[in-house]
Amino acid sequence: MYQVARQVILNRLPVTAITNDLEISKLFMEYKEADRINLGGGLRKGAHTLLGGPWLSFLKTLHTDICFWGIKGIAHEHLRDSSLEVSDMKRCILGGAGIKILLADSIKFGDQGFRDACS
């Protein structure tokens, strides 16, 4: 996700970036062509992401043109993530997305993750 954000900035694409990742948010701080929406919450252990709070209700109201998203693991045709909060967030944002682009490499294949991230 970080590399996608870097490419958006390098190519000077006008976007509204919606993120719960502090590092990605930091990238967009000085980029004037982007509007930035930061999803709040508590700091996730071992990561630079925020989870929790009233953002689920907010995400359900959004309709985006494109959604780039990552995943913890892919197993038996199921896309899985690492927590209930993360999978709930992804279900909400994907529900209102036009084009959905999953970013995953070969290490994501296998029985990783805790809960299906989308239905």
PDB file of N, CA and C in Angstrom:
ATOM      1  N   MET A   1       0.813  -1.177   0.000  1.00  0.00           N
ATOM      2  CA  MET A   1       0.000   0.000   0.000  1.00  0.00           C
ATOM      3  C   MET A   1       0.871   1.260   0.000  1.00  0.00           C
ATOM      4  N   TYR A   2       1.949   1.204   0.738  1.00  0.00           N
ATOM      5  CA  TYR A   2       2.862   2.344   0.805  1.00  0.00           C
ATOM      6  C   TYR A   2       3.421   2.669  -0.571  1.00  0.00           C
ATOM      7  N   GLN A   3       3.787   1.629  -1.320  1.00  0.00           N
ATOM      8  CA  GLN A   3       4.346   1.843  -2.659  1.00  0.00           C
ATOM      9  C   GLN A   3       3.310   2.411  -3.625  1.00  0.00           C
ATOM     10  N   VAL A   4       2.052   2.013  -3.496  1.00  0.00           N
ATOM     11  CA  VAL A   4       0.986   2.593  -4.315  1.00  0.00           C
ATOM     12  C   VAL A   4       0.864   4.080  -3.992  1.00  0.00           C
ATOM     13  N   ALA A   5       0.871   4.417  -2.723  1.00  0.00           N
ATOM     14  CA  ALA A   5       0.790   5.822  -2.321  1.00  0.00           C
ATOM     15  C   ALA A   5       1.959   6.619  -2.896  1.00  0.00           C
ATOM     16  N   ARG A   6       3.142   6.059  -2.854  1.00  0.00           N
ATOM     17  CA  ARG A   6       4.322   6.732  -3.425  1.00  0.00           C
ATOM     18  C   ARG A   6       4.142   6.979  -4.910  1.00  0.00           C
ATOM     19  N   GLN A   7       3.607   5.995  -5.629  1.00  0.00           N
ATOM     20  CA  GLN A   7       3.401   6.148  -7.072  1.00  0.00           C
ATOM     21  C   GLN A   7       2.341   7.205  -7.380  1.00  0.00           C
ATOM     22  N   VAL A   8       1.307   7.268  -6.575  1.00  0.00           N
ATOM     23  CA  VAL A   8       0.283   8.309  -6.751  1.00  0.00           C
ATOM     24  C   VAL A   8       0.942   9.681  -6.658  1.00  0.00           C
ATOM     25  N   ILE A   9       1.792   9.851  -5.672  1.00  0.00           N
ATOM     26  CA  ILE A   9       2.460  11.136  -5.461  1.00  0.00           C
ATOM     27  C   ILE A   9       3.467  11.412  -6.576  1.00  0.00           C
ATOM     28  N   LEU A  10       4.301  10.433  -6.921  1.00  0.00           N
ATOM     29  CA  LEU A  10       5.300  10.622  -7.979  1.00  0.00           C
ATOM     30  C   LEU A  10       4.661  10.959  -9.315  1.00  0.00           C
ATOM     31  N   ASN A  11       3.488  10.403  -9.576  1.00  0.00           N
ATOM     32  CA  ASN A  11       2.784  10.661 -10.835  1.00  0.00           C
ATOM     33  C   ASN A  11       1.798  11.824 -10.731  1.00  0.00           C
ATOM     34  N   ARG A  12       1.782  12.471  -9.566  1.00  0.00           N
ATOM     35  CA  ARG A  12       0.977  13.665  -9.323  1.00  0.00           C
ATOM     36  C   ARG A  12      -0.503  13.461  -9.668  1.00  0.00           C
ATOM     37  N   LEU A  13      -1.037  12.342  -9.216  1.00  0.00           N
ATOM     38  CA  LEU A  13      -2.440  12.024  -9.467  1.00  0.00           C
ATOM     39  C   LEU A  13      -3.330  12.720  -8.440  1.00  0.00           C
ATOM     40  N   PRO A  14      -4.419  13.326  -8.893  1.00  0.00           N
ATOM     41  CA  PRO A  14      -5.343  13.957  -7.935  1.00  0.00           C
ATOM     42  C   PRO A  14      -6.221  12.875  -7.294  1.00  0.00           C
ATOM     43  N   VAL A  15      -6.139  12.745  -5.987  1.00  0.00           N
ATOM     44  CA  VAL A  15      -6.886  11.695  -5.287  1.00  0.00           C
ATOM     45  C   VAL A  15      -7.430  12.217  -3.962  1.00  0.00           C
ATOM     46  N   THR A  16      -8.382  11.469  -3.443  1.00  0.00           N
ATOM     47  CA  THR A  16      -8.750  11.583  -2.041  1.00  0.00           C
ATOM     48  C   THR A  16      -8.265  10.289  -1.407  1.00  0.00           C
ATOM     49  N   ALA A  17      -7.259  10.384  -0.575  1.00  0.00           N
ATOM     50  CA  ALA A  17      -6.669   9.213   0.076  1.00  0.00           C
ATOM     51  C   ALA A  17      -7.380   8.973   1.402  1.00  0.00           C
ATOM     52  N   ILE A  18      -7.915   7.772   1.571  1.00  0.00           N
ATOM     53  CA  ILE A  18      -8.576   7.377   2.814  1.00  0.00           C
ATOM     54  C   ILE A  18      -7.716   6.278   3.423  1.00  0.00           C
ATOM     55  N   THR A  19      -7.174   6.526   4.601  1.00  0.00           N
ATOM     56  CA  THR A  19      -6.254   5.551   5.180  1.00  0.00           C
ATOM     57  C   THR A  19      -6.333   5.532   6.708  1.00  0.00           C
ATOM     58  N   ASN A  20      -5.996   4.380   7.254  1.00  0.00           N
ATOM     59  CA  ASN A  20      -5.817   4.258   8.696  1.00  0.00           C
ATOM     60  C   ASN A  20      -4.339   4.016   9.013  1.00  0.00           C
ATOM     61  N   ASP A  21      -3.492   4.150   7.996  1.00  0.00           N
ATOM     62  CA  ASP A  21      -2.056   3.908   8.138  1.00  0.00           C
ATOM     63  C   ASP A  21      -1.324   5.234   8.343  1.00  0.00           C
ATOM     64  N   LEU A  22      -0.610   5.349   9.445  1.00  0.00           N
ATOM     65  CA  LEU A  22       0.071   6.597   9.774  1.00  0.00           C
ATOM     66  C   LEU A  22       1.208   6.919   8.814  1.00  0.00           C
ATOM     67  N   GLU A  23       1.916   5.914   8.334  1.00  0.00           N
ATOM     68  CA  GLU A  23       3.015   6.142   7.398  1.00  0.00           C
ATOM     69  C   GLU A  23       2.493   6.636   6.047  1.00  0.00           C
ATOM     70  N   ILE A  24       1.390   6.075   5.574  1.00  0.00           N
ATOM     71  CA  ILE A  24       0.798   6.526   4.313  1.00  0.00           C
ATOM     72  C   ILE A  24       0.246   7.940   4.476  1.00  0.00           C
ATOM     73  N   SER A  25      -0.387   8.193   5.580  1.00  0.00           N
ATOM     74  CA  SER A  25      -0.902   9.526   5.852  1.00  0.00           C
ATOM     75  C   SER A  25       0.223  10.558   5.837  1.00  0.00           C
ATOM     76  N   LYS A  26       1.342  10.185   6.425  1.00  0.00           N
ATOM     77  CA  LYS A  26       2.510  11.068   6.466  1.00  0.00           C
ATOM     78  C   LYS A  26       3.011  11.389   5.053  1.00  0.00           C
ATOM     79  N   LEU A  27       2.994  10.399   4.169  1.00  0.00           N
ATOM     80  CA  LEU A  27       3.396  10.627   2.779  1.00  0.00           C
ATOM     81  C   LEU A  27       2.548  11.716   2.123  1.00  0.00           C
ATOM     82  N   PHE A  28       1.250  11.685   2.392  1.00  0.00           N
ATOM     83  CA  PHE A  28       0.325  12.614   1.751  1.00  0.00           C
ATOM     84  C   PHE A  28       0.280  14.006   2.406  1.00  0.00           C
ATOM     85  N   MET A  29       0.973  14.201   3.512  1.00  0.00           N
ATOM     86  CA  MET A  29       0.889  15.472   4.239  1.00  0.00           C
ATOM     87  C   MET A  29       1.282  16.672   3.383  1.00  0.00           C
ATOM     88  N   GLU A  30       2.318  16.551   2.602  1.00  0.00           N
ATOM     89  CA  GLU A  30       2.819  17.677   1.808  1.00  0.00           C
ATOM     90  C   GLU A  30       2.323  17.650   0.366  1.00  0.00           C
ATOM     91  N   TYR A  31       1.541  16.654   0.002  1.00  0.00           N
ATOM     92  CA  TYR A  31       1.083  16.497  -1.372  1.00  0.00           C
ATOM     93  C   TYR A  31      -0.220  17.262  -1.566  1.00  0.00           C
ATOM     94  N   LYS A  32      -0.136  18.398  -2.229  1.00  0.00           N
ATOM     95  CA  LYS A  32      -1.275  19.306  -2.334  1.00  0.00           C
ATOM     96  C   LYS A  32      -2.357  18.834  -3.300  1.00  0.00           C
ATOM     97  N   GLU A  33      -2.060  17.884  -4.182  1.00  0.00           N
ATOM     98  CA  GLU A  33      -3.046  17.375  -5.134  1.00  0.00           C
ATOM     99  C   GLU A  33      -3.989  16.353  -4.506  1.00  0.00           C
ATOM    100  N   ALA A  34      -3.740  15.996  -3.266  1.00  0.00           N
ATOM    101  CA  ALA A  34      -4.565  14.974  -2.609  1.00  0.00           C
ATOM    102  C   ALA A  34      -5.330  15.571  -1.432  1.00  0.00           C
ATOM    103  N   ASP A  35      -6.573  15.146  -1.335  1.00  0.00           N
ATOM    104  CA  ASP A  35      -7.309  15.346  -0.095  1.00  0.00           C
ATOM    105  C   ASP A  35      -7.038  14.108   0.737  1.00  0.00           C
ATOM    106  N   ARG A  36      -6.988  14.254   2.037  1.00  0.00           N
ATOM    107  CA  ARG A  36      -6.640  13.124   2.893  1.00  0.00           C
ATOM    108  C   ARG A  36      -7.677  12.966   3.984  1.00  0.00           C
ATOM    109  N   ILE A  37      -8.170  11.740   4.127  1.00  0.00           N
ATOM    110  CA  ILE A  37      -9.073  11.404   5.221  1.00  0.00           C
ATOM    111  C   ILE A  37      -8.376  10.341   6.057  1.00  0.00           C
ATOM    112  N   ASN A  38      -8.108  10.668   7.315  1.00  0.00           N
ATOM    113  CA  ASN A  38      -7.458   9.727   8.225  1.00  0.00           C
ATOM    114  C   ASN A  38      -8.508   9.081   9.108  1.00  0.00           C
ATOM    115  N   LEU A  39      -8.509   7.772   9.101  1.00  0.00           N
ATOM    116  CA  LEU A  39      -9.415   7.032   9.971  1.00  0.00           C
ATOM    117  C   LEU A  39      -8.750   6.901  11.335  1.00  0.00           C
ATOM    118  N   GLY A  40      -9.438   7.256  12.367  1.00  0.00           N
ATOM    119  CA  GLY A  40      -8.874   7.260  13.710  1.00  0.00           C
ATOM    120  C   GLY A  40      -9.025   5.931  14.422  1.00  0.00           C
ATOM    121  N   GLY A  41      -8.682   5.937  15.678  1.00  0.00           N
ATOM    122  CA  GLY A  41      -8.784   4.753  16.511  1.00  0.00           C
ATOM    123  C   GLY A  41      -7.540   4.567  17.345  1.00  0.00           C
ATOM    124  N   GLY A  42      -7.439   3.401  17.940  1.00  0.00           N
ATOM    125  CA  GLY A  42      -6.278   3.069  18.748  1.00  0.00           C
ATOM    126  C   GLY A  42      -5.161   2.495  17.895  1.00  0.00           C
ATOM    127  N   LEU A  43      -3.937   2.705  18.319  1.00  0.00           N
ATOM    128  CA  LEU A  43      -2.777   2.196  17.590  1.00  0.00           C
ATOM    129  C   LEU A  43      -2.721   0.681  17.689  1.00  0.00           C
ATOM    130  N   ARG A  44      -2.644   0.025  16.537  1.00  0.00           N
ATOM    131  CA  ARG A  44      -2.591  -1.438  16.470  1.00  0.00           C
ATOM    132  C   ARG A  44      -1.210  -1.928  16.885  1.00  0.00           C
ATOM    133  N   LYS A  45      -1.175  -2.949  17.722  1.00  0.00           N
ATOM    134  CA  LYS A  45       0.086  -3.508  18.207  1.00  0.00           C
ATOM    135  C   LYS A  45       0.959  -3.954  17.046  1.00  0.00           C
ATOM    136  N   GLY A  46       2.214  -3.521  17.057  1.00  0.00           N
ATOM    137  CA  GLY A  46       3.175  -3.958  16.059  1.00  0.00           C
ATOM    138  C   GLY A  46       2.977  -3.363  14.672  1.00  0.00           C
ATOM    139  N   ALA A  47       2.168  -2.323  14.543  1.00  0.00           N
ATOM    140  CA  ALA A  47       1.910  -1.736  13.225  1.00  0.00           C
ATOM    141  C   ALA A  47       1.780  -0.226  13.345  1.00  0.00           C
ATOM    142  N   HIS A  48       1.707   0.421  12.212  1.00  0.00           N
ATOM    143  CA  HIS A  48       1.498   1.869  12.166  1.00  0.00           C
ATOM    144  C   HIS A  48       0.069   2.189  11.754  1.00  0.00           C
ATOM    145  N   THR A  49      -0.858   1.341  12.142  1.00  0.00           N
ATOM    146  CA  THR A  49      -2.247   1.543  11.744  1.00  0.00           C
ATOM    147  C   THR A  49      -3.133   1.789  12.954  1.00  0.00           C
ATOM    148  N   LEU A  50      -4.240   2.486  12.700  1.00  0.00           N
ATOM    149  CA  LEU A  50      -5.215   2.805  13.724  1.00  0.00           C
ATOM    150  C   LEU A  50      -6.475   1.988  13.490  1.00  0.00           C
ATOM    151  N   LEU A  51      -7.035   1.461  14.565  1.00  0.00           N
ATOM    152  CA  LEU A  51      -8.254   0.654  14.474  1.00  0.00           C
ATOM    153  C   LEU A  51      -9.225   1.071  15.572  1.00  0.00           C
ATOM    154  N   GLY A  52     -10.497   0.870  15.289  1.00  0.00           N
ATOM    155  CA  GLY A  52     -11.520   1.160  16.279  1.00  0.00           C
ATOM    156  C   GLY A  52     -12.190   2.490  16.014  1.00  0.00           C
ATOM    157  N   GLY A  53     -13.122   2.822  16.865  1.00  0.00           N
ATOM    158  CA  GLY A  53     -13.810   4.096  16.732  1.00  0.00           C
ATOM    159  C   GLY A  53     -15.022   4.024  15.811  1.00  0.00           C
ATOM    160  N   PRO A  54     -15.604   5.178  15.537  1.00  0.00           N
ATOM    161  CA  PRO A  54     -16.834   5.240  14.753  1.00  0.00           C
ATOM    162  C   PRO A  54     -16.618   5.175  13.246  1.00  0.00           C
ATOM    163  N   TRP A  55     -15.436   4.818  12.792  1.00  0.00           N
ATOM    164  CA  TRP A  55     -15.143   4.832  11.360  1.00  0.00           C
ATOM    165  C   TRP A  55     -15.936   3.822  10.558  1.00  0.00           C
ATOM    166  N   LEU A  56     -16.398   2.723  11.153  1.00  0.00           N
ATOM    167  CA  LEU A  56     -17.181   1.736  10.389  1.00  0.00           C
ATOM    168  C   LEU A  56     -18.445   2.358   9.816  1.00  0.00           C
ATOM    169  N   SER A  57     -19.157   3.121  10.620  1.00  0.00           N
ATOM    170  CA  SER A  57     -20.360   3.793  10.135  1.00  0.00           C
ATOM    171  C   SER A  57     -20.020   4.748   9.000  1.00  0.00           C
ATOM    172  N   PHE A  58     -18.932   5.473   9.151  1.00  0.00           N
ATOM    173  CA  PHE A  58     -18.492   6.411   8.122  1.00  0.00           C
ATOM    174  C   PHE A  58     -18.145   5.676   6.827  1.00  0.00           C
ATOM    175  N   LEU A  59     -17.377   4.595   6.925  1.00  0.00           N
ATOM    176  CA  LEU A  59     -16.961   3.854   5.728  1.00  0.00           C
ATOM    177  C   LEU A  59     -18.146   3.299   4.943  1.00  0.00           C
ATOM    178  N   LYS A  60     -19.207   2.938   5.645  1.00  0.00           N
ATOM    179  CA  LYS A  60     -20.398   2.408   4.973  1.00  0.00           C
ATOM    180  C   LYS A  60     -21.073   3.449   4.091  1.00  0.00           C
ATOM    181  N   THR A  61     -20.791   4.723   4.315  1.00  0.00           N
ATOM    182  CA  THR A  61     -21.422   5.788   3.535  1.00  0.00           C
ATOM    183  C   THR A  61     -20.620   6.173   2.299  1.00  0.00           C
ATOM    184  N   LEU A  62     -19.411   5.662   2.168  1.00  0.00           N
ATOM    185  CA  LEU A  62     -18.533   6.074   1.071  1.00  0.00           C
ATOM    186  C   LEU A  62     -18.790   5.283  -0.204  1.00  0.00           C
ATOM    187  N   HIS A  63     -18.612   5.964  -1.322  1.00  0.00           N
ATOM    188  CA  HIS A  63     -18.654   5.345  -2.645  1.00  0.00           C
ATOM    189  C   HIS A  63     -17.408   5.820  -3.377  1.00  0.00           C
ATOM    190  N   THR A  64     -16.448   4.936  -3.536  1.00  0.00           N
ATOM    191  CA  THR A  64     -15.175   5.296  -4.142  1.00  0.00           C
ATOM    192  C   THR A  64     -15.070   4.740  -5.557  1.00  0.00           C
ATOM    193  N   ASP A  65     -14.279   5.422  -6.390  1.00  0.00           N
ATOM    194  CA  ASP A  65     -14.046   4.943  -7.749  1.00  0.00           C
ATOM    195  C   ASP A  65     -13.151   3.708  -7.725  1.00  0.00           C
ATOM    196  N   ILE A  66     -12.051   3.807  -6.989  1.00  0.00           N
ATOM    197  CA  ILE A  66     -11.066   2.721  -6.923  1.00  0.00           C
ATOM    198  C   ILE A  66     -10.659   2.499  -5.477  1.00  0.00           C
ATOM    199  N   CYS A  67     -10.548   1.237  -5.099  1.00  0.00           N
ATOM    200  CA  CYS A  67     -10.053   0.882  -3.774  1.00  0.00           C
ATOM    201  C   CYS A  67      -8.869  -0.071  -3.932  1.00  0.00           C
ATOM    202  N   PHE A  68      -7.700   0.366  -3.490  1.00  0.00           N
ATOM    203  CA  PHE A  68      -6.531  -0.510  -3.410  1.00  0.00           C
ATOM    204  C   PHE A  68      -6.517  -1.073  -1.997  1.00  0.00           C
ATOM    205  N   TRP A  69      -6.344  -2.370  -1.876  1.00  0.00           N
ATOM    206  CA  TRP A  69      -6.350  -2.966  -0.544  1.00  0.00           C
ATOM    207  C   TRP A  69      -5.403  -4.154  -0.474  1.00  0.00           C
ATOM    208  N   GLY A  70      -4.943  -4.421   0.729  1.00  0.00           N
ATOM    209  CA  GLY A  70      -4.060  -5.546   0.987  1.00  0.00           C
ATOM    210  C   GLY A  70      -4.788  -6.591   1.813  1.00  0.00           C
ATOM    211  N   ILE A  71      -4.131  -7.701   1.992  1.00  0.00           N
ATOM    212  CA  ILE A  71      -4.744  -8.831   2.688  1.00  0.00           C
ATOM    213  C   ILE A  71      -3.670  -9.594   3.454  1.00  0.00           C
ATOM    214  N   LYS A  72      -4.051 -10.229   4.534  1.00  0.00           N
ATOM    215  CA  LYS A  72      -3.106 -11.027   5.326  1.00  0.00           C
ATOM    216  C   LYS A  72      -2.781 -12.353   4.643  1.00  0.00           C
ATOM    217  N   GLY A  73      -3.811 -13.019   4.099  1.00  0.00           N
ATOM    218  CA  GLY A  73      -3.565 -14.307   3.475  1.00  0.00           C
ATOM    219  C   GLY A  73      -4.685 -14.729   2.542  1.00  0.00           C
ATOM    220  N   ILE A  74      -4.347 -15.648   1.659  1.00  0.00           N
ATOM    221  CA  ILE A  74      -5.299 -16.220   0.702  1.00  0.00           C
ATOM    222  C   ILE A  74      -5.233 -17.732   0.864  1.00  0.00           C
ATOM    223  N   ALA A  75      -6.366 -18.330   1.234  1.00  0.00           N
ATOM    224  CA  ALA A  75      -6.389 -19.777   1.443  1.00  0.00           C
ATOM    225  C   ALA A  75      -7.697 -20.345   0.915  1.00  0.00           C
ATOM    226  N   HIS A  76      -7.596 -21.327   0.052  1.00  0.00           N
ATOM    227  CA  HIS A  76      -8.779 -22.032  -0.462  1.00  0.00           C
ATOM    228  C   HIS A  76      -9.821 -21.049  -0.991  1.00  0.00           C
ATOM    229  N   GLU A  77      -9.371 -20.108  -1.822  1.00  0.00           N
ATOM    230  CA  GLU A  77     -10.235 -19.101  -2.448  1.00  0.00           C
ATOM    231  C   GLU A  77     -10.871 -18.125  -1.459  1.00  0.00           C
ATOM    232  N   HIS A  78     -10.350 -18.060  -0.244  1.00  0.00           N
ATOM    233  CA  HIS A  78     -10.839 -17.107   0.751  1.00  0.00           C
ATOM    234  C   HIS A  78      -9.758 -16.063   1.012  1.00  0.00           C
ATOM    235  N   LEU A  79     -10.185 -14.802   1.077  1.00  0.00           N
ATOM    236  CA  LEU A  79      -9.278 -13.713   1.403  1.00  0.00           C
ATOM    237  C   LEU A  79      -9.422 -13.444   2.890  1.00  0.00           C
ATOM    238  N   ARG A  80      -8.328 -13.604   3.623  1.00  0.00           N
ATOM    239  CA  ARG A  80      -8.401 -13.535   5.084  1.00  0.00           C
ATOM    240  C   ARG A  80      -7.557 -12.409   5.637  1.00  0.00           C
ATOM    241  N   ASP A  81      -8.004 -11.908   6.782  1.00  0.00           N
ATOM    242  CA  ASP A  81      -7.235 -10.883   7.459  1.00  0.00           C
ATOM    243  C   ASP A  81      -7.004 -11.252   8.907  1.00  0.00           C
ATOM    244  N   SER A  82      -6.279 -10.391   9.613  1.00  0.00           N
ATOM    245  CA  SER A  82      -5.719 -10.767  10.904  1.00  0.00           C
ATOM    246  C   SER A  82      -6.581 -10.459  12.120  1.00  0.00           C
ATOM    247  N   SER A  83      -7.650  -9.717  11.952  1.00  0.00           N
ATOM    248  CA  SER A  83      -8.482  -9.417  13.116  1.00  0.00           C
ATOM    249  C   SER A  83      -9.907  -9.103  12.678  1.00  0.00           C
ATOM    250  N   LEU A  84     -10.814  -9.122  13.639  1.00  0.00           N
ATOM    251  CA  LEU A  84     -12.206  -8.772  13.361  1.00  0.00           C
ATOM    252  C   LEU A  84     -12.313  -7.324  12.894  1.00  0.00           C
ATOM    253  N   GLU A  85     -11.609  -6.419  13.576  1.00  0.00           N
ATOM    254  CA  GLU A  85     -11.678  -5.002  13.227  1.00  0.00           C
ATOM    255  C   GLU A  85     -11.171  -4.734  11.816  1.00  0.00           C
ATOM    256  N   VAL A  86     -10.058  -5.368  11.451  1.00  0.00           N
ATOM    257  CA  VAL A  86      -9.486  -5.154  10.112  1.00  0.00           C
ATOM    258  C   VAL A  86     -10.427  -5.695   9.040  1.00  0.00           C
ATOM    259  N   SER A  87     -10.944  -6.893   9.242  1.00  0.00           N
ATOM    260  CA  SER A  87     -11.838  -7.464   8.231  1.00  0.00           C
ATOM    261  C   SER A  87     -13.146  -6.674   8.136  1.00  0.00           C
ATOM    262  N   ASP A  88     -13.670  -6.172   9.251  1.00  0.00           N
ATOM    263  CA  ASP A  88     -14.873  -5.336   9.209  1.00  0.00           C
ATOM    264  C   ASP A  88     -14.624  -4.058   8.410  1.00  0.00           C
ATOM    265  N   MET A  89     -13.480  -3.443   8.639  1.00  0.00           N
ATOM    266  CA  MET A  89     -13.131  -2.229   7.924  1.00  0.00           C
ATOM    267  C   MET A  89     -13.079  -2.488   6.421  1.00  0.00           C
ATOM    268  N   LYS A  90     -12.442  -3.572   6.037  1.00  0.00           N
ATOM    269  CA  LYS A  90     -12.309  -3.881   4.614  1.00  0.00           C
ATOM    270  C   LYS A  90     -13.650  -4.218   3.982  1.00  0.00           C
ATOM    271  N   ARG A  91     -14.499  -4.927   4.691  1.00  0.00           N
ATOM    272  CA  ARG A  91     -15.836  -5.222   4.162  1.00  0.00           C
ATOM    273  C   ARG A  91     -16.602  -3.933   3.878  1.00  0.00           C
ATOM    274  N   CYS A  92     -16.490  -2.973   4.791  1.00  0.00           N
ATOM    275  CA  CYS A  92     -17.208  -1.699   4.620  1.00  0.00           C
ATOM    276  C   CYS A  92     -16.699  -0.914   3.424  1.00  0.00           C
ATOM    277  N   ILE A  93     -15.406  -0.746   3.319  1.00  0.00           N
ATOM    278  CA  ILE A  93     -14.848   0.063   2.230  1.00  0.00           C
ATOM    279  C   ILE A  93     -15.028  -0.624   0.881  1.00  0.00           C
ATOM    280  N   LEU A  94     -14.916  -1.937   0.841  1.00  0.00           N
ATOM    281  CA  LEU A  94     -15.094  -2.657  -0.423  1.00  0.00           C
ATOM    282  C   LEU A  94     -16.541  -2.622  -0.894  1.00  0.00           C
ATOM    283  N   GLY A  95     -17.480  -2.564   0.055  1.00  0.00           N
ATOM    284  CA  GLY A  95     -18.891  -2.527  -0.298  1.00  0.00           C
ATOM    285  C   GLY A  95     -19.265  -1.317  -1.140  1.00  0.00           C
ATOM    286  N   GLY A  96     -18.560  -0.210  -0.970  1.00  0.00           N
ATOM    287  CA  GLY A  96     -18.866   0.999  -1.721  1.00  0.00           C
ATOM    288  C   GLY A  96     -17.870   1.313  -2.819  1.00  0.00           C
ATOM    289  N   ALA A  97     -16.989   0.367  -3.131  1.00  0.00           N
ATOM    290  CA  ALA A  97     -15.950   0.621  -4.130  1.00  0.00           C
ATOM    291  C   ALA A  97     -16.391   0.159  -5.514  1.00  0.00           C
ATOM    292  N   GLY A  98     -16.084   0.979  -6.520  1.00  0.00           N
ATOM    293  CA  GLY A  98     -16.356   0.593  -7.895  1.00  0.00           C
ATOM    294  C   GLY A  98     -15.359  -0.465  -8.354  1.00  0.00           C
ATOM    295  N   ILE A  99     -14.116  -0.065  -8.518  1.00  0.00           N
ATOM    296  CA  ILE A  99     -13.039  -0.974  -8.913  1.00  0.00           C
ATOM    297  C   ILE A  99     -12.277  -1.362  -7.658  1.00  0.00           C
ATOM    298  N   LYS A 100     -12.081  -2.660  -7.474  1.00  0.00           N
ATOM    299  CA  LYS A 100     -11.370  -3.172  -6.294  1.00  0.00           C
ATOM    300  C   LYS A 100     -10.079  -3.825  -6.777  1.00  0.00           C
ATOM    301  N   ILE A 101      -8.939  -3.318  -6.313  1.00  0.00           N
ATOM    302  CA  ILE A 101      -7.643  -3.853  -6.717  1.00  0.00           C
ATOM    303  C   ILE A 101      -6.945  -4.421  -5.490  1.00  0.00           C
ATOM    304  N   LEU A 102      -6.800  -5.737  -5.465  1.00  0.00           N
ATOM    305  CA  LEU A 102      -6.127  -6.429  -4.371  1.00  0.00           C
ATOM    306  C   LEU A 102      -4.628  -6.449  -4.642  1.00  0.00           C
ATOM    307  N   LEU A 103      -3.847  -6.015  -3.659  1.00  0.00           N
ATOM    308  CA  LEU A 103      -2.395  -6.032  -3.748  1.00  0.00           C
ATOM    309  C   LEU A 103      -1.885  -7.179  -2.879  1.00  0.00           C
ATOM    310  N   ALA A 104      -1.328  -8.190  -3.529  1.00  0.00           N
ATOM    311  CA  ALA A 104      -0.823  -9.355  -2.793  1.00  0.00           C
ATOM    312  C   ALA A 104       0.283 -10.010  -3.596  1.00  0.00           C
ATOM    313  N   ASP A 105       1.263 -10.535  -2.900  1.00  0.00           N
ATOM    314  CA  ASP A 105       2.304 -11.293  -3.576  1.00  0.00           C
ATOM    315  C   ASP A 105       2.219 -12.754  -3.156  1.00  0.00           C
ATOM    316  N   SER A 106       3.150 -13.567  -3.624  1.00  0.00           N
ATOM    317  CA  SER A 106       3.058 -15.015  -3.430  1.00  0.00           C
ATOM    318  C   SER A 106       3.126 -15.456  -1.967  1.00  0.00           C
ATOM    319  N   ILE A 107       3.703 -14.657  -1.087  1.00  0.00           N
ATOM    320  CA  ILE A 107       3.782 -15.084   0.321  1.00  0.00           C
ATOM    321  C   ILE A 107       2.427 -15.033   1.014  1.00  0.00           C
ATOM    322  N   LYS A 108       1.439 -14.434   0.385  1.00  0.00           N
ATOM    323  CA  LYS A 108       0.101 -14.350   0.971  1.00  0.00           C
ATOM    324  C   LYS A 108      -0.683 -15.659   0.816  1.00  0.00           C
ATOM    325  N   PHE A 109      -0.217 -16.547  -0.073  1.00  0.00           N
ATOM    326  CA  PHE A 109      -0.933 -17.798  -0.298  1.00  0.00           C
ATOM    327  C   PHE A 109      -0.610 -18.801   0.794  1.00  0.00           C
ATOM    328  N   GLY A 110      -1.629 -19.415   1.333  1.00  0.00           N
ATOM    329  CA  GLY A 110      -1.493 -20.350   2.443  1.00  0.00           C
ATOM    330  C   GLY A 110      -2.524 -19.990   3.494  1.00  0.00           C
ATOM    331  N   ASP A 111      -2.623 -20.788   4.507  1.00  0.00           N
ATOM    332  CA  ASP A 111      -3.665 -20.596   5.508  1.00  0.00           C
ATOM    333  C   ASP A 111      -3.253 -19.543   6.533  1.00  0.00           C
ATOM    334  N   GLN A 112      -3.234 -18.292   6.088  1.00  0.00           N
ATOM    335  CA  GLN A 112      -2.913 -17.173   6.967  1.00  0.00           C
ATOM    336  C   GLN A 112      -4.199 -16.409   7.252  1.00  0.00           C
ATOM    337  N   GLY A 113      -4.215 -15.721   8.323  1.00  0.00           N
ATOM    338  CA  GLY A 113      -5.358 -14.881   8.627  1.00  0.00           C
ATOM    339  C   GLY A 113      -6.343 -15.537   9.568  1.00  0.00           C
ATOM    340  N   PHE A 114      -7.207 -14.723  10.101  1.00  0.00           N
ATOM    341  CA  PHE A 114      -8.111 -15.116  11.158  1.00  0.00           C
ATOM    342  C   PHE A 114      -9.551 -15.189  10.680  1.00  0.00           C
ATOM    343  N   ARG A 115      -9.940 -14.259   9.798  1.00  0.00           N
ATOM    344  CA  ARG A 115     -11.331 -14.141   9.379  1.00  0.00           C
ATOM    345  C   ARG A 115     -11.396 -13.709   7.917  1.00  0.00           C
ATOM    346  N   ASP A 116     -12.408 -14.206   7.204  1.00  0.00           N
ATOM    347  CA  ASP A 116     -12.598 -13.787   5.820  1.00  0.00           C
ATOM    348  C   ASP A 116     -12.802 -12.280   5.785  1.00  0.00           C
ATOM    349  N   ALA A 117     -12.101 -11.623   4.868  1.00  0.00           N
ATOM    350  CA  ALA A 117     -12.139 -10.168   4.786  1.00  0.00           C
ATOM    351  C   ALA A 117     -13.259  -9.662   3.896  1.00  0.00           C
ATOM    352  N   CYS A 118     -13.751 -10.480   3.018  1.00  0.00           N
ATOM    353  CA  CYS A 118     -14.883 -10.066   2.195  1.00  0.00           C
ATOM    354  C   CYS A 118     -15.727 -11.301   1.873  1.00  0.00           C
ATOM    355  N   SER A 119     -16.985 -11.029   1.613  1.00  0.00           N
ATOM    356  CA  SER A 119     -17.875 -12.155   1.355  1.00  0.00           C
ATOM    357  C   SER A 119     -18.300 -12.190  -0.092  1.00  0.00           C
TER     358      SER A 119
END
